[in-house]
Amino acid sequence: MGSFPPPVRVPDDAIQARLEREAAQFRTGQRQHAQARREQLESARENLNLWLDGELAVRRKQMNKWEIWAKGLLAALIGGAANAVTAVAVDPMHFGFNLITLKLAGAGAVVSALMYLKQSPVPPNGGTK
């Protein structure tokens, strides 16, 4: 078998210079990548805000006053009934999930609905916008 040629010795300063050059290129690439990513995220954020603003504006324009009023009444009913769940959480020994809880939920829903109707009896004239 033949022998291998002796290894070539590269000077330490040449290795160090190349390592420094590669490290500088890597850092520059990282900075460029980070800047590009920041620009992409900023662009995405702006597009999302524009889209949300547009969507909400369209929805507000499409929803008429009766829909807003009905949603408010439904929210009052749900909120009043949710108070019964709160009573169960506060005193589960007294208010278990039983007929008393259902009566409490119904009463809370009716009271909340009546308070909403007192504040907003019917939508103003012209049912839209």
Protein backbone atom coordinates (compact mmCIF):
# COMPACT_ATOMS: atom_id res chain seq x y z
CA MET A 1 0.00 0.00 0.00
CA GLY A 2 1.00 3.50 -0.70
CA SER A 3 1.51 6.11 1.89
CA PHE A 4 -0.55 9.21 2.20
CA PRO A 5 1.01 12.58 1.53
CA PRO A 6 1.76 14.59 4.64
CA PRO A 7 -1.07 16.87 5.75
CA VAL A 8 -0.91 20.46 4.64
CA ARG A 9 -0.53 22.81 7.53
CA VAL A 10 -2.70 25.93 7.24
CA PRO A 11 -1.42 28.89 9.21
CA ASP A 12 -3.47 29.75 12.29
CA ASP A 13 -3.90 33.36 11.23
CA ALA A 14 -5.47 32.24 7.90
CA ILE A 15 -7.92 29.99 9.77
CA GLN A 16 -8.75 32.78 12.21
CA ALA A 17 -9.27 35.27 9.37
CA ARG A 18 -11.60 32.89 7.55
CA LEU A 19 -13.58 32.17 10.73
CA GLU A 20 -13.96 35.90 11.39
CA ARG A 21 -15.06 36.49 7.77
CA GLU A 22 -17.64 33.71 7.96
CA ALA A 23 -18.89 34.93 11.34
CA ALA A 24 -19.29 38.46 9.98
CA GLN A 25 -21.20 37.12 6.96
CA PHE A 26 -23.39 35.06 9.26
CA ARG A 27 -24.14 38.04 11.52
CA THR A 28 -24.93 40.20 8.48
CA GLY A 29 -27.26 37.49 7.17
CA GLN A 30 -28.96 37.22 10.54
CA ARG A 31 -29.49 40.97 10.69
CA GLN A 32 -30.89 41.02 7.16
CA HIS A 33 -33.17 38.09 7.94
CA ALA A 34 -34.38 39.71 11.17
CA GLN A 35 -35.06 43.00 9.37
CA ALA A 36 -36.97 41.21 6.60
CA ARG A 37 -39.00 39.30 9.20
CA ARG A 38 -39.82 42.53 11.06
CA GLU A 39 -41.00 44.09 7.80
CA GLN A 40 -43.14 41.02 7.04
CA LEU A 41 -44.72 41.11 10.50
CA GLU A 42 -45.39 44.83 10.29
CA SER A 43 -46.98 44.40 6.87
CA ALA A 44 -49.11 41.53 8.16
CA ARG A 45 -50.19 43.60 11.17
CA GLU A 46 -51.19 46.51 8.94
CA ASN A 47 -53.11 44.21 6.60
CA LEU A 48 -54.91 42.59 9.53
CA ASN A 49 -55.87 45.96 10.98
CA LEU A 50 -57.15 47.16 7.61
CA TRP A 51 -59.10 43.96 7.14
CA LEU A 52 -60.61 44.13 10.62
CA ASP A 53 -61.52 47.78 10.22
CA GLY A 54 -63.16 47.04 6.89
CA GLU A 55 -64.99 43.95 8.14
CA LEU A 56 -66.29 45.71 11.24
CA ALA A 57 -67.40 48.71 9.20
CA VAL A 58 -69.28 46.45 6.77
CA ARG A 59 -70.90 44.55 9.62
CA ARG A 60 -71.93 47.77 11.35
CA LYS A 61 -73.48 49.06 8.16
CA GLN A 62 -75.33 45.81 7.51
CA MET A 63 -76.74 45.40 10.99
CA ASN A 64 -79.96 47.35 11.40
CA LYS A 65 -81.32 48.78 14.61
CA TRP A 66 -83.75 45.94 15.25
CA GLU A 67 -80.92 43.40 15.11
CA ILE A 68 -78.88 45.46 17.55
CA TRP A 69 -81.88 45.76 19.86
CA ALA A 70 -82.63 42.02 19.67
CA LYS A 71 -79.01 41.13 20.36
CA GLY A 72 -79.01 43.44 23.37
CA LEU A 73 -82.18 41.81 24.70
CA LEU A 74 -80.70 38.34 24.19
CA ALA A 75 -77.50 39.41 25.97
CA ALA A 76 -79.58 40.68 28.91
CA LEU A 77 -81.43 37.36 29.14
CA ILE A 78 -78.20 35.35 29.05
CA GLY A 79 -76.51 37.64 31.57
CA GLY A 80 -79.43 37.39 33.98
CA ALA A 81 -79.51 33.61 33.74
CA ALA A 82 -75.75 33.47 34.26
CA ASN A 83 -76.27 34.98 37.70
CA ALA A 84 -77.84 31.67 38.74
CA VAL A 85 -74.58 29.92 37.90
CA THR A 86 -72.80 32.46 40.07
CA ALA A 87 -75.16 31.66 42.95
CA VAL A 88 -74.38 27.95 42.55
CA ALA A 89 -70.65 28.70 42.59
CA VAL A 90 -70.95 30.85 45.72
CA ASP A 91 -73.16 28.49 47.75
CA PRO A 92 -73.30 25.02 46.18
CA MET A 93 -74.84 23.42 49.30
CA HIS A 94 -77.89 25.68 49.15
CA PHE A 95 -78.16 26.22 45.39
CA GLY A 96 -77.43 22.90 43.70
CA PHE A 97 -78.37 22.33 40.08
CA ASN A 98 -82.05 21.71 40.73
CA LEU A 99 -85.45 23.36 40.33
CA ILE A 100 -84.47 26.27 42.58
CA THR A 101 -81.53 27.03 40.30
CA LEU A 102 -83.78 26.98 37.25
CA LYS A 103 -86.25 29.33 38.94
CA LEU A 104 -83.39 31.61 39.96
CA ALA A 105 -82.03 31.60 36.39
CA GLY A 106 -85.47 32.38 34.96
CA ALA A 107 -86.09 35.17 37.44
CA GLY A 108 -82.67 36.69 36.78
CA ALA A 109 -83.22 36.53 33.03
CA VAL A 110 -86.64 38.19 33.30
CA VAL A 111 -85.35 40.95 35.58
CA SER A 112 -82.38 41.66 33.31
CA ALA A 113 -84.63 41.69 30.24
CA LEU A 114 -87.02 44.11 31.92
CA MET A 115 -84.13 46.39 32.88
CA TYR A 116 -82.91 46.31 29.26
CA LEU A 117 -86.42 47.10 28.00
CA LYS A 118 -86.60 50.01 30.43
CA GLN A 119 -83.38 51.40 29.02
CA SER A 120 -84.10 50.58 25.34
CA PRO A 121 -87.83 50.02 24.86
CA VAL A 122 -87.81 49.74 21.05
CA PRO A 123 -85.44 50.82 18.32
CA PRO A 124 -85.85 54.41 17.16
CA ASN A 125 -87.80 55.28 14.01
CA GLY A 126 -86.67 53.86 10.70
CA GLY A 127 -85.37 50.36 11.57
CA THR A 128 -82.02 50.75 9.75
CA LYS A 129 -78.78 52.35 10.76
